[in-house]
All heavy atoms as atom14 arrays in JSON, in Angstrom:
{
  "sequence": "IKEMAEYGTEQLMAMVSGGDIDYAVCEGNTAHIYLHNF",
  "atom14_mask": [
    [1, 1, 1, 1, 1, 1, 1, 1, 0, 0, 0, 0, 0, 0],
    [1, 1, 1, 1, 1, 1, 1, 1, 1, 0, 0, 0, 0, 0],
    [1, 1, 1, 1, 1, 1, 1, 1, 1, 0, 0, 0, 0, 0],
    [1, 1, 1, 1, 1, 1, 1, 1, 0, 0, 0, 0, 0, 0],
    [1, 1, 1, 1, 1, 0, 0, 0, 0, 0, 0, 0, 0, 0],
    [1, 1, 1, 1, 1, 1, 1, 1, 1, 0, 0, 0, 0, 0],
    [1, 1, 1, 1, 1, 1, 1, 1, 1, 1, 1, 1, 0, 0],
    [1, 1, 1, 1, 0, 0, 0, 0, 0, 0, 0, 0, 0, 0],
    [1, 1, 1, 1, 1, 1, 1, 0, 0, 0, 0, 0, 0, 0],
    [1, 1, 1, 1, 1, 1, 1, 1, 1, 0, 0, 0, 0, 0],
    [1, 1, 1, 1, 1, 1, 1, 1, 1, 0, 0, 0, 0, 0],
    [1, 1, 1, 1, 1, 1, 1, 1, 0, 0, 0, 0, 0, 0],
    [1, 1, 1, 1, 1, 1, 1, 1, 0, 0, 0, 0, 0, 0],
    [1, 1, 1, 1, 1, 0, 0, 0, 0, 0, 0, 0, 0, 0],
    [1, 1, 1, 1, 1, 1, 1, 1, 0, 0, 0, 0, 0, 0],
    [1, 1, 1, 1, 1, 1, 1, 0, 0, 0, 0, 0, 0, 0],
    [1, 1, 1, 1, 1, 1, 0, 0, 0, 0, 0, 0, 0, 0],
    [1, 1, 1, 1, 0, 0, 0, 0, 0, 0, 0, 0, 0, 0],
    [1, 1, 1, 1, 0, 0, 0, 0, 0, 0, 0, 0, 0, 0],
    [1, 1, 1, 1, 1, 1, 1, 1, 0, 0, 0, 0, 0, 0],
    [1, 1, 1, 1, 1, 1, 1, 1, 0, 0, 0, 0, 0, 0],
    [1, 1, 1, 1, 1, 1, 1, 1, 0, 0, 0, 0, 0, 0],
    [1, 1, 1, 1, 1, 1, 1, 1, 1, 1, 1, 1, 0, 0],
    [1, 1, 1, 1, 1, 0, 0, 0, 0, 0, 0, 0, 0, 0],
    [1, 1, 1, 1, 1, 1, 1, 0, 0, 0, 0, 0, 0, 0],
    [1, 1, 1, 1, 1, 1, 0, 0, 0, 0, 0, 0, 0, 0],
    [1, 1, 1, 1, 1, 1, 1, 1, 1, 0, 0, 0, 0, 0],
    [1, 1, 1, 1, 0, 0, 0, 0, 0, 0, 0, 0, 0, 0],
    [1, 1, 1, 1, 1, 1, 1, 1, 0, 0, 0, 0, 0, 0],
    [1, 1, 1, 1, 1, 1, 1, 0, 0, 0, 0, 0, 0, 0],
    [1, 1, 1, 1, 1, 0, 0, 0, 0, 0, 0, 0, 0, 0],
    [1, 1, 1, 1, 1, 1, 1, 1, 1, 1, 0, 0, 0, 0],
    [1, 1, 1, 1, 1, 1, 1, 1, 0, 0, 0, 0, 0, 0],
    [1, 1, 1, 1, 1, 1, 1, 1, 1, 1, 1, 1, 0, 0],
    [1, 1, 1, 1, 1, 1, 1, 1, 0, 0, 0, 0, 0, 0],
    [1, 1, 1, 1, 1, 1, 1, 1, 1, 1, 0, 0, 0, 0],
    [1, 1, 1, 1, 1, 1, 1, 1, 0, 0, 0, 0, 0, 0],
    [1, 1, 1, 1, 1, 1, 1, 1, 1, 1, 1, 0, 0, 0]
  ],
  "atom14_positions": [
    [[92.87, 47.16, 76.98], [93.49, 47.99, 75.95], [93.15, 49.46, 76.2], [91.98, 49.83, 76.29], [93.01, 47.58, 74.55], [93.22, 46.09, 74.33], [93.72, 48.39, 73.47], [92.48, 45.54, 73.12], [0.0, 0.0, 0.0], [0.0, 0.0, 0.0], [0.0, 0.0, 0.0], [0.0, 0.0, 0.0], [0.0, 0.0, 0.0], [0.0, 0.0, 0.0]],
    [[94.18, 50.28, 76.32], [94.0, 51.72, 76.49], [94.57, 52.43, 75.25], [95.77, 52.33, 74.97], [94.73, 52.23, 77.74], [94.24, 51.6, 79.04], [92.84, 52.05, 79.39], [92.4, 51.5, 80.74], [91.03, 51.92, 81.1], [0.0, 0.0, 0.0], [0.0, 0.0, 0.0], [0.0, 0.0, 0.0], [0.0, 0.0, 0.0], [0.0, 0.0, 0.0]],
    [[93.7, 53.1, 74.5], [94.13, 53.76, 73.26], [94.46, 55.22, 73.52], [93.67, 55.94, 74.13], [93.03, 53.64, 72.21], [92.69, 52.21, 71.84], [91.66, 52.13, 70.74], [91.87, 52.74, 69.68], [90.63, 51.45, 70.94], [0.0, 0.0, 0.0], [0.0, 0.0, 0.0], [0.0, 0.0, 0.0], [0.0, 0.0, 0.0], [0.0, 0.0, 0.0]],
    [[95.61, 55.65, 73.04], [96.08, 57.03, 73.22], [95.94, 57.77, 71.9], [96.6, 57.44, 70.91], [97.54, 57.03, 73.68], [97.78, 56.17, 74.93], [96.96, 56.84, 76.39], [98.05, 58.19, 76.79], [0.0, 0.0, 0.0], [0.0, 0.0, 0.0], [0.0, 0.0, 0.0], [0.0, 0.0, 0.0], [0.0, 0.0, 0.0], [0.0, 0.0, 0.0]],
    [[95.11, 58.81, 71.88], [94.76, 59.49, 70.63], [95.92, 60.27, 70.01], [96.07, 60.31, 68.8], [93.57, 60.41, 70.85], [0.0, 0.0, 0.0], [0.0, 0.0, 0.0], [0.0, 0.0, 0.0], [0.0, 0.0, 0.0], [0.0, 0.0, 0.0], [0.0, 0.0, 0.0], [0.0, 0.0, 0.0], [0.0, 0.0, 0.0], [0.0, 0.0, 0.0]],
    [[96.75, 60.89, 70.81], [97.76, 61.8, 70.28], [99.19, 61.3, 70.51], [100.12, 62.09, 70.54], [97.6, 63.19, 70.92], [96.23, 63.82, 70.72], [95.91, 64.07, 69.24], [96.86, 64.33, 68.47], [94.73, 64.02, 68.87], [0.0, 0.0, 0.0], [0.0, 0.0, 0.0], [0.0, 0.0, 0.0], [0.0, 0.0, 0.0], [0.0, 0.0, 0.0]],
    [[99.35, 60.0, 70.65], [100.67, 59.45, 70.94], [101.12, 58.48, 69.86], [100.33, 57.71, 69.33], [100.66, 58.73, 72.3], [100.59, 59.68, 73.47], [99.41, 60.33, 73.79], [101.71, 59.93, 74.25], [99.34, 61.21, 74.86], [101.65, 60.81, 75.32], [100.47, 61.44, 75.63], [100.41, 62.31, 76.67], [0.0, 0.0, 0.0], [0.0, 0.0, 0.0]],
    [[102.43, 58.53, 69.58], [103.04, 57.59, 68.66], [104.04, 56.73, 69.41], [104.09, 56.72, 70.65], [0.0, 0.0, 0.0], [0.0, 0.0, 0.0], [0.0, 0.0, 0.0], [0.0, 0.0, 0.0], [0.0, 0.0, 0.0], [0.0, 0.0, 0.0], [0.0, 0.0, 0.0], [0.0, 0.0, 0.0], [0.0, 0.0, 0.0], [0.0, 0.0, 0.0]],
    [[104.89, 56.02, 68.68], [105.83, 55.08, 69.28], [106.77, 55.74, 70.28], [106.94, 55.26, 71.4], [106.65, 54.38, 68.18], [105.77, 53.66, 67.31], [107.66, 53.41, 68.77], [0.0, 0.0, 0.0], [0.0, 0.0, 0.0], [0.0, 0.0, 0.0], [0.0, 0.0, 0.0], [0.0, 0.0, 0.0], [0.0, 0.0, 0.0], [0.0, 0.0, 0.0]],
    [[107.39, 56.84, 69.9], [108.36, 57.5, 70.78], [107.7, 57.96, 72.09], [108.26, 57.78, 73.17], [109.0, 58.68, 70.08], [110.1, 59.35, 70.91], [110.74, 60.53, 70.23], [110.15, 61.07, 69.27], [111.85, 60.92, 70.65], [0.0, 0.0, 0.0], [0.0, 0.0, 0.0], [0.0, 0.0, 0.0], [0.0, 0.0, 0.0], [0.0, 0.0, 0.0]],
    [[106.51, 58.53, 71.98], [105.82, 59.04, 73.16], [105.43, 57.89, 74.11], [105.57, 58.0, 75.33], [104.59, 59.84, 72.75], [104.88, 61.15, 72.04], [105.33, 60.95, 70.6], [104.99, 59.94, 69.98], [106.07, 61.89, 70.08], [0.0, 0.0, 0.0], [0.0, 0.0, 0.0], [0.0, 0.0, 0.0], [0.0, 0.0, 0.0], [0.0, 0.0, 0.0]],
    [[104.94, 56.79, 73.53], [104.57, 55.64, 74.36], [105.79, 55.03, 75.04], [105.74, 54.65, 76.21], [103.85, 54.59, 73.51], [102.42, 54.96, 73.07], [101.9, 53.97, 72.04], [101.47, 55.01, 74.27], [0.0, 0.0, 0.0], [0.0, 0.0, 0.0], [0.0, 0.0, 0.0], [0.0, 0.0, 0.0], [0.0, 0.0, 0.0], [0.0, 0.0, 0.0]],
    [[106.9, 54.96, 74.31], [108.13, 54.43, 74.9], [108.61, 55.32, 76.05], [109.08, 54.83, 77.08], [109.22, 54.29, 73.83], [108.92, 53.2, 72.81], [110.16, 53.06, 71.5], [111.53, 52.26, 72.38], [0.0, 0.0, 0.0], [0.0, 0.0, 0.0], [0.0, 0.0, 0.0], [0.0, 0.0, 0.0], [0.0, 0.0, 0.0], [0.0, 0.0, 0.0]],
    [[108.49, 56.63, 75.88], [108.89, 57.56, 76.94], [108.04, 57.39, 78.18], [108.53, 57.47, 79.32], [108.81, 59.0, 76.43], [0.0, 0.0, 0.0], [0.0, 0.0, 0.0], [0.0, 0.0, 0.0], [0.0, 0.0, 0.0], [0.0, 0.0, 0.0], [0.0, 0.0, 0.0], [0.0, 0.0, 0.0], [0.0, 0.0, 0.0], [0.0, 0.0, 0.0]],
    [[106.74, 57.14, 77.98], [105.84, 56.94, 79.12], [106.17, 55.66, 79.89], [106.14, 55.64, 81.12], [104.39, 56.91, 78.64], [103.88, 58.25, 78.16], [102.17, 58.16, 77.57], [101.28, 57.94, 79.12], [0.0, 0.0, 0.0], [0.0, 0.0, 0.0], [0.0, 0.0, 0.0], [0.0, 0.0, 0.0], [0.0, 0.0, 0.0], [0.0, 0.0, 0.0]],
    [[106.5, 54.59, 79.15], [106.89, 53.35, 79.81], [108.22, 53.56, 80.55], [108.38, 53.18, 81.71], [107.03, 52.19, 78.8], [107.54, 50.93, 79.51], [105.68, 51.9, 78.14], [0.0, 0.0, 0.0], [0.0, 0.0, 0.0], [0.0, 0.0, 0.0], [0.0, 0.0, 0.0], [0.0, 0.0, 0.0], [0.0, 0.0, 0.0], [0.0, 0.0, 0.0]],
    [[109.17, 54.18, 79.89], [110.48, 54.43, 80.48], [110.38, 55.24, 81.76], [111.07, 54.97, 82.75], [111.39, 55.15, 79.48], [112.65, 55.45, 80.05], [0.0, 0.0, 0.0], [0.0, 0.0, 0.0], [0.0, 0.0, 0.0], [0.0, 0.0, 0.0], [0.0, 0.0, 0.0], [0.0, 0.0, 0.0], [0.0, 0.0, 0.0], [0.0, 0.0, 0.0]],
    [[109.5, 56.24, 81.76], [109.34, 57.11, 82.92], [108.46, 56.54, 84.01], [108.31, 57.16, 85.08], [0.0, 0.0, 0.0], [0.0, 0.0, 0.0], [0.0, 0.0, 0.0], [0.0, 0.0, 0.0], [0.0, 0.0, 0.0], [0.0, 0.0, 0.0], [0.0, 0.0, 0.0], [0.0, 0.0, 0.0], [0.0, 0.0, 0.0], [0.0, 0.0, 0.0]],
    [[107.86, 55.37, 83.79], [107.02, 54.75, 84.8], [105.59, 55.24, 84.83], [104.83, 54.89, 85.73], [0.0, 0.0, 0.0], [0.0, 0.0, 0.0], [0.0, 0.0, 0.0], [0.0, 0.0, 0.0], [0.0, 0.0, 0.0], [0.0, 0.0, 0.0], [0.0, 0.0, 0.0], [0.0, 0.0, 0.0], [0.0, 0.0, 0.0], [0.0, 0.0, 0.0]],
    [[105.2, 56.06, 83.84], [103.81, 56.54, 83.79], [102.85, 55.4, 83.45], [101.71, 55.38, 83.91], [103.68, 57.65, 82.75], [104.58, 58.84, 83.06], [104.39, 59.44, 84.14], [105.46, 59.16, 82.24], [0.0, 0.0, 0.0], [0.0, 0.0, 0.0], [0.0, 0.0, 0.0], [0.0, 0.0, 0.0], [0.0, 0.0, 0.0], [0.0, 0.0, 0.0]],
    [[103.32, 54.48, 82.62], [102.56, 53.28, 82.28], [103.54, 52.11, 82.31], [104.77, 52.31, 82.3], [101.88, 53.37, 80.9], [102.92, 53.57, 79.78], [100.86, 54.51, 80.86], [102.34, 53.59, 78.37], [0.0, 0.0, 0.0], [0.0, 0.0, 0.0], [0.0, 0.0, 0.0], [0.0, 0.0, 0.0], [0.0, 0.0, 0.0], [0.0, 0.0, 0.0]],
    [[103.03, 50.9, 82.35], [103.91, 49.73, 82.45], [104.17, 49.04, 81.12], [105.25, 48.48, 80.91], [103.33, 48.72, 83.44], [103.38, 49.21, 84.87], [104.39, 49.86, 85.24], [102.41, 48.98, 85.61], [0.0, 0.0, 0.0], [0.0, 0.0, 0.0], [0.0, 0.0, 0.0], [0.0, 0.0, 0.0], [0.0, 0.0, 0.0], [0.0, 0.0, 0.0]],
    [[103.15, 49.05, 80.23], [103.29, 48.31, 78.98], [102.68, 49.08, 77.81], [101.67, 49.77, 77.97], [102.58, 46.95, 79.06], [102.93, 46.12, 80.26], [102.05, 46.02, 81.34], [104.13, 45.41, 80.32], [102.35, 45.25, 82.45], [104.44, 44.63, 81.44], [103.55, 44.56, 82.5], [103.86, 43.81, 83.6], [0.0, 0.0, 0.0], [0.0, 0.0, 0.0]],
    [[103.3, 48.93, 76.65], [102.73, 49.48, 75.41], [103.06, 48.51, 74.29], [104.03, 47.74, 74.38], [103.29, 50.86, 75.11], [0.0, 0.0, 0.0], [0.0, 0.0, 0.0], [0.0, 0.0, 0.0], [0.0, 0.0, 0.0], [0.0, 0.0, 0.0], [0.0, 0.0, 0.0], [0.0, 0.0, 0.0], [0.0, 0.0, 0.0], [0.0, 0.0, 0.0]],
    [[102.26, 48.54, 73.23], [102.55, 47.75, 72.04], [102.74, 48.71, 70.87], [101.9, 49.58, 70.64], [101.42, 46.74, 71.73], [101.62, 46.11, 70.35], [101.39, 45.65, 72.79], [0.0, 0.0, 0.0], [0.0, 0.0, 0.0], [0.0, 0.0, 0.0], [0.0, 0.0, 0.0], [0.0, 0.0, 0.0], [0.0, 0.0, 0.0], [0.0, 0.0, 0.0]],
    [[103.86, 48.56, 70.17], [104.23, 49.48, 69.09], [104.8, 48.69, 67.91], [105.11, 47.5, 68.03], [105.26, 50.5, 69.55], [104.74, 51.53, 70.94], [0.0, 0.0, 0.0], [0.0, 0.0, 0.0], [0.0, 0.0, 0.0], [0.0, 0.0, 0.0], [0.0, 0.0, 0.0], [0.0, 0.0, 0.0], [0.0, 0.0, 0.0], [0.0, 0.0, 0.0]],
    [[104.98, 49.4, 66.81], [105.6, 48.8, 65.62], [107.09, 48.6, 65.88], [107.78, 49.51, 66.32], [105.35, 49.71, 64.41], [105.64, 49.08, 63.07], [107.12, 49.06, 62.75], [107.79, 50.09, 62.97], [107.61, 47.99, 62.3], [0.0, 0.0, 0.0], [0.0, 0.0, 0.0], [0.0, 0.0, 0.0], [0.0, 0.0, 0.0], [0.0, 0.0, 0.0]],
    [[107.57, 47.39, 65.59], [108.91, 46.99, 65.99], [110.06, 47.74, 65.34], [111.04, 48.07, 66.01], [0.0, 0.0, 0.0], [0.0, 0.0, 0.0], [0.0, 0.0, 0.0], [0.0, 0.0, 0.0], [0.0, 0.0, 0.0], [0.0, 0.0, 0.0], [0.0, 0.0, 0.0], [0.0, 0.0, 0.0], [0.0, 0.0, 0.0], [0.0, 0.0, 0.0]],
    [[110.0, 47.99, 64.04], [111.1, 48.67, 63.36], [111.34, 50.05, 63.95], [112.48, 50.46, 64.18], [110.8, 48.79, 61.86], [110.91, 47.46, 61.14], [111.72, 46.62, 61.49], [110.08, 47.25, 60.13], [0.0, 0.0, 0.0], [0.0, 0.0, 0.0], [0.0, 0.0, 0.0], [0.0, 0.0, 0.0], [0.0, 0.0, 0.0], [0.0, 0.0, 0.0]],
    [[110.26, 50.78, 64.19], [110.38, 52.12, 64.76], [110.86, 52.06, 66.21], [111.73, 52.84, 66.62], [109.03, 52.86, 64.69], [108.53, 52.81, 63.36], [109.17, 54.31, 65.1], [0.0, 0.0, 0.0], [0.0, 0.0, 0.0], [0.0, 0.0, 0.0], [0.0, 0.0, 0.0], [0.0, 0.0, 0.0], [0.0, 0.0, 0.0], [0.0, 0.0, 0.0]],
    [[110.31, 51.13, 66.97], [110.72, 50.99, 68.37], [112.21, 50.67, 68.48], [112.91, 51.19, 69.37], [109.9, 49.88, 69.04], [0.0, 0.0, 0.0], [0.0, 0.0, 0.0], [0.0, 0.0, 0.0], [0.0, 0.0, 0.0], [0.0, 0.0, 0.0], [0.0, 0.0, 0.0], [0.0, 0.0, 0.0], [0.0, 0.0, 0.0], [0.0, 0.0, 0.0]],
    [[112.71, 49.86, 67.57], [114.13, 49.47, 67.59], [115.03, 50.69, 67.4], [116.07, 50.82, 68.05], [114.39, 48.44, 66.48], [115.58, 47.58, 66.76], [115.57, 46.22, 66.59], [116.81, 47.88, 67.21], [116.74, 45.71, 66.91], [117.52, 46.7, 67.29], [0.0, 0.0, 0.0], [0.0, 0.0, 0.0], [0.0, 0.0, 0.0], [0.0, 0.0, 0.0]],
    [[114.62, 51.6, 66.54], [115.43, 52.78, 66.28], [115.46, 53.71, 67.49], [116.47, 54.34, 67.8], [114.92, 53.51, 65.02], [115.29, 52.68, 63.78], [115.5, 54.91, 64.91], [114.76, 53.22, 62.48], [0.0, 0.0, 0.0], [0.0, 0.0, 0.0], [0.0, 0.0, 0.0], [0.0, 0.0, 0.0], [0.0, 0.0, 0.0], [0.0, 0.0, 0.0]],
    [[114.34, 53.81, 68.2], [114.27, 54.69, 69.37], [114.88, 54.06, 70.62], [115.11, 54.76, 71.62], [112.82, 55.06, 69.67], [112.26, 56.14, 68.78], [111.09, 55.93, 68.05], [112.88, 57.38, 68.69], [110.56, 56.92, 67.24], [112.37, 58.38, 67.87], [111.2, 58.15, 67.15], [110.69, 59.13, 66.35], [0.0, 0.0, 0.0], [0.0, 0.0, 0.0]],
    [[115.17, 52.77, 70.6], [115.57, 52.06, 71.81], [116.81, 52.67, 72.47], [116.93, 52.67, 73.7], [115.8, 50.58, 71.49], [116.02, 49.65, 72.69], [114.8, 49.67, 73.61], [116.28, 48.23, 72.21], [0.0, 0.0, 0.0], [0.0, 0.0, 0.0], [0.0, 0.0, 0.0], [0.0, 0.0, 0.0], [0.0, 0.0, 0.0], [0.0, 0.0, 0.0]],
    [[117.74, 53.19, 71.65], [118.98, 53.73, 72.23], [118.72, 54.96, 73.1], [119.59, 55.36, 73.9], [119.98, 54.07, 71.11], [119.6, 55.29, 70.32], [118.71, 55.24, 69.27], [119.98, 56.59, 70.44], [118.57, 56.46, 68.77], [119.31, 57.3, 69.46], [0.0, 0.0, 0.0], [0.0, 0.0, 0.0], [0.0, 0.0, 0.0], [0.0, 0.0, 0.0]],
    [[117.54, 55.57, 72.97], [117.21, 56.73, 73.8], [116.69, 56.32, 75.18], [116.56, 57.17, 76.06], [116.13, 57.58, 73.12], [116.61, 58.23, 71.84], [117.8, 58.5, 71.69], [115.7, 58.45, 70.91], [0.0, 0.0, 0.0], [0.0, 0.0, 0.0], [0.0, 0.0, 0.0], [0.0, 0.0, 0.0], [0.0, 0.0, 0.0], [0.0, 0.0, 0.0]],
    [[116.37, 55.04, 75.35], [115.76, 54.57, 76.6], [116.5, 53.32, 77.07], [116.15, 52.2, 76.71], [114.28, 54.25, 76.37], [113.49, 55.37, 75.77], [113.15, 55.35, 74.41], [113.08, 56.46, 76.53], [112.42, 56.39, 73.84], [112.35, 57.5, 75.97], [112.03, 57.46, 74.63], [0.0, 0.0, 0.0], [0.0, 0.0, 0.0], [0.0, 0.0, 0.0]]
  ]
}
């Protein structure tokens, strides 16, 4: 488990999308809304 102090759902999704990290766990309702951006 790697904890990111200054990151929320959108930032973690952007990091996975860009290949900076491979996996993240986030709250589903929020992730669903951001999904169309990635």
